[in-house]
Amino acid sequence: MGIHKMLATRRRSAIMASEKLALRAVRLAVLDAWEQSGN
């Protein structure tokens, strides 16, 4: 039971980390497009 809980927590933290990376990539892409458009 403890192992399952540990795996679930690890999976959740991995998902959160990948979501943070995705958000950062999107933000960088938006800023890049913004600068290229001259604003």
PDB file of N, CA and C in Angstrom:
ATOM      1  N   MET A   1       0.831  -1.196   0.000  1.00  0.00           N
ATOM      2  CA  MET A   1       0.000   0.000   0.000  1.00  0.00           C
ATOM      3  C   MET A   1       0.871   1.254   0.000  1.00  0.00           C
ATOM      4  N   GLY A   2       1.936   1.227   0.816  1.00  0.00           N
ATOM      5  CA  GLY A   2       2.835   2.376   0.848  1.00  0.00           C
ATOM      6  C   GLY A   2       3.511   2.594  -0.501  1.00  0.00           C
ATOM      7  N   ILE A   3       3.850   1.467  -1.168  1.00  0.00           N
ATOM      8  CA  ILE A   3       4.522   1.574  -2.467  1.00  0.00           C
ATOM      9  C   ILE A   3       3.589   2.212  -3.494  1.00  0.00           C
ATOM     10  N   HIS A   4       2.317   1.811  -3.486  1.00  0.00           N
ATOM     11  CA  HIS A   4       1.367   2.385  -4.438  1.00  0.00           C
ATOM     12  C   HIS A   4       1.228   3.883  -4.221  1.00  0.00           C
ATOM     13  N   LYS A   5       1.167   4.281  -2.946  1.00  0.00           N
ATOM     14  CA  LYS A   5       1.022   5.704  -2.646  1.00  0.00           C
ATOM     15  C   LYS A   5       2.254   6.472  -3.120  1.00  0.00           C
ATOM     16  N   MET A   6       3.432   5.862  -2.938  1.00  0.00           N
ATOM     17  CA  MET A   6       4.667   6.518  -3.352  1.00  0.00           C
ATOM     18  C   MET A   6       4.709   6.663  -4.876  1.00  0.00           C
ATOM     19  N   LEU A   7       4.286   5.613  -5.577  1.00  0.00           N
ATOM     20  CA  LEU A   7       4.288   5.674  -7.036  1.00  0.00           C
ATOM     21  C   LEU A   7       3.307   6.720  -7.535  1.00  0.00           C
ATOM     22  N   ALA A   8       2.136   6.802  -6.893  1.00  0.00           N
ATOM     23  CA  ALA A   8       1.136   7.780  -7.310  1.00  0.00           C
ATOM     24  C   ALA A   8       1.664   9.193  -7.103  1.00  0.00           C
ATOM     25  N   THR A   9       2.335   9.408  -5.968  1.00  0.00           N
ATOM     26  CA  THR A   9       2.886  10.739  -5.693  1.00  0.00           C
ATOM     27  C   THR A   9       3.964  11.088  -6.703  1.00  0.00           C
ATOM     28  N   ARG A  10       4.818  10.092  -7.013  1.00  0.00           N
ATOM     29  CA  ARG A  10       5.893  10.344  -7.976  1.00  0.00           C
ATOM     30  C   ARG A  10       5.315  10.649  -9.349  1.00  0.00           C
ATOM     31  N   ARG A  11       4.264   9.903  -9.735  1.00  0.00           N
ATOM     32  CA  ARG A  11       3.644  10.133 -11.041  1.00  0.00           C
ATOM     33  C   ARG A  11       3.026  11.525 -11.087  1.00  0.00           C
ATOM     34  N   ARG A  12       2.368  11.908  -9.974  1.00  0.00           N
ATOM     35  CA  ARG A  12       1.723  13.225  -9.932  1.00  0.00           C
ATOM     36  C   ARG A  12       2.762  14.337 -10.043  1.00  0.00           C
ATOM     37  N   SER A  13       3.884  14.187  -9.342  1.00  0.00           N
ATOM     38  CA  SER A  13       4.914  15.229  -9.391  1.00  0.00           C
ATOM     39  C   SER A  13       5.556  15.277 -10.778  1.00  0.00           C
ATOM     40  N   ALA A  14       5.661  14.128 -11.440  1.00  0.00           N
ATOM     41  CA  ALA A  14       6.216  14.107 -12.790  1.00  0.00           C
ATOM     42  C   ALA A  14       5.277  14.823 -13.753  1.00  0.00           C
ATOM     43  N   ILE A  15       3.975  14.614 -13.587  1.00  0.00           N
ATOM     44  CA  ILE A  15       2.986  15.286 -14.430  1.00  0.00           C
ATOM     45  C   ILE A  15       3.044  16.792 -14.201  1.00  0.00           C
ATOM     46  N   MET A  16       3.150  17.191 -12.931  1.00  0.00           N
ATOM     47  CA  MET A  16       3.230  18.614 -12.624  1.00  0.00           C
ATOM     48  C   MET A  16       4.481  19.231 -13.231  1.00  0.00           C
ATOM     49  N   ALA A  17       5.596  18.506 -13.175  1.00  0.00           N
ATOM     50  CA  ALA A  17       6.845  19.023 -13.729  1.00  0.00           C
ATOM     51  C   ALA A  17       6.729  19.189 -15.241  1.00  0.00           C
ATOM     52  N   SER A  18       6.127  18.212 -15.924  1.00  0.00           N
ATOM     53  CA  SER A  18       5.993  18.311 -17.375  1.00  0.00           C
ATOM     54  C   SER A  18       5.022  19.421 -17.754  1.00  0.00           C
ATOM     55  N   GLU A  19       3.981  19.638 -16.920  1.00  0.00           N
ATOM     56  CA  GLU A  19       3.060  20.741 -17.191  1.00  0.00           C
ATOM     57  C   GLU A  19       3.774  22.079 -17.050  1.00  0.00           C
ATOM     58  N   LYS A  20       4.649  22.194 -16.035  1.00  0.00           N
ATOM     59  CA  LYS A  20       5.400  23.437 -15.857  1.00  0.00           C
ATOM     60  C   LYS A  20       6.301  23.681 -17.060  1.00  0.00           C
ATOM     61  N   LEU A  21       6.949  22.614 -17.560  1.00  0.00           N
ATOM     62  CA  LEU A  21       7.822  22.764 -18.720  1.00  0.00           C
ATOM     63  C   LEU A  21       7.019  23.191 -19.943  1.00  0.00           C
ATOM     64  N   ALA A  22       5.830  22.595 -20.114  1.00  0.00           N
ATOM     65  CA  ALA A  22       4.992  22.942 -21.256  1.00  0.00           C
ATOM     66  C   ALA A  22       4.552  24.397 -21.175  1.00  0.00           C
ATOM     67  N   LEU A  23       4.144  24.834 -19.975  1.00  0.00           N
ATOM     68  CA  LEU A  23       3.722  26.226 -19.807  1.00  0.00           C
ATOM     69  C   LEU A  23       4.874  27.176 -20.095  1.00  0.00           C
ATOM     70  N   ARG A  24       6.074  26.808 -19.638  1.00  0.00           N
ATOM     71  CA  ARG A  24       7.239  27.662 -19.876  1.00  0.00           C
ATOM     72  C   ARG A  24       7.532  27.750 -21.368  1.00  0.00           C
ATOM     73  N   ALA A  25       7.415  26.625 -22.082  1.00  0.00           N
ATOM     74  CA  ALA A  25       7.675  26.614 -23.518  1.00  0.00           C
ATOM     75  C   ALA A  25       6.655  27.479 -24.250  1.00  0.00           C
ATOM     76  N   VAL A  26       5.383  27.370 -23.852  1.00  0.00           N
ATOM     77  CA  VAL A  26       4.334  28.177 -24.482  1.00  0.00           C
ATOM     78  C   VAL A  26       4.594  29.656 -24.232  1.00  0.00           C
ATOM     79  N   ARG A  27       4.954  29.984 -22.978  1.00  0.00           N
ATOM     80  CA  ARG A  27       5.204  31.391 -22.642  1.00  0.00           C
ATOM     81  C   ARG A  27       6.363  31.941 -23.464  1.00  0.00           C
ATOM     82  N   LEU A  28       7.433  31.142 -23.620  1.00  0.00           N
ATOM     83  CA  LEU A  28       8.576  31.595 -24.406  1.00  0.00           C
ATOM     84  C   LEU A  28       8.185  31.789 -25.868  1.00  0.00           C
ATOM     85  N   ALA A  29       7.374  30.882 -26.398  1.00  0.00           N
ATOM     86  CA  ALA A  29       6.954  30.993 -27.791  1.00  0.00           C
ATOM     87  C   ALA A  29       6.107  32.242 -28.001  1.00  0.00           C
ATOM     88  N   VAL A  30       5.220  32.522 -27.041  1.00  0.00           N
ATOM     89  CA  VAL A  30       4.365  33.711 -27.151  1.00  0.00           C
ATOM     90  C   VAL A  30       5.209  34.981 -27.090  1.00  0.00           C
ATOM     91  N   LEU A  31       6.149  35.024 -26.161  1.00  0.00           N
ATOM     92  CA  LEU A  31       7.018  36.202 -26.057  1.00  0.00           C
ATOM     93  C   LEU A  31       7.838  36.377 -27.331  1.00  0.00           C
ATOM     94  N   ASP A  32       8.304  35.277 -27.897  1.00  0.00           N
ATOM     95  CA  ASP A  32       9.091  35.335 -29.121  1.00  0.00           C
ATOM     96  C   ASP A  32       8.257  35.905 -30.264  1.00  0.00           C
ATOM     97  N   ALA A  33       7.033  35.409 -30.422  1.00  0.00           N
ATOM     98  CA  ALA A  33       6.150  35.893 -31.482  1.00  0.00           C
ATOM     99  C   ALA A  33       5.821  37.367 -31.257  1.00  0.00           C
ATOM    100  N   TRP A  34       5.622  37.739 -29.988  1.00  0.00           N
ATOM    101  CA  TRP A  34       5.305  39.126 -29.641  1.00  0.00           C
ATOM    102  C   TRP A  34       6.439  40.057 -30.076  1.00  0.00           C
ATOM    103  N   GLU A  35       7.668  39.670 -29.763  1.00  0.00           N
ATOM    104  CA  GLU A  35       8.814  40.507 -30.128  1.00  0.00           C
ATOM    105  C   GLU A  35       8.980  40.578 -31.645  1.00  0.00           C
ATOM    106  N   GLN A  36       8.727  39.478 -32.343  1.00  0.00           N
ATOM    107  CA  GLN A  36       8.892  39.471 -33.795  1.00  0.00           C
ATOM    108  C   GLN A  36       7.823  40.314 -34.482  1.00  0.00           C
ATOM    109  N   SER A  37       6.653  40.467 -33.843  1.00  0.00           N
ATOM    110  CA  SER A  37       5.583  41.246 -34.471  1.00  0.00           C
ATOM    111  C   SER A  37       5.818  42.745 -34.292  1.00  0.00           C
ATOM    112  N   GLY A  38       6.818  43.125 -33.507  1.00  0.00           N
ATOM    113  CA  GLY A  38       7.170  44.526 -33.379  1.00  0.00           C
ATOM    114  C   GLY A  38       6.532  45.223 -32.204  1.00  0.00           C
ATOM    115  N   ASN A  39       5.817  44.481 -31.354  1.00  0.00           N
ATOM    116  CA  ASN A  39       5.208  45.119 -30.184  1.00  0.00           C
ATOM    117  C   ASN A  39       6.217  45.144 -29.060  1.00  0.00           C
TER     118      ASN A  39
END
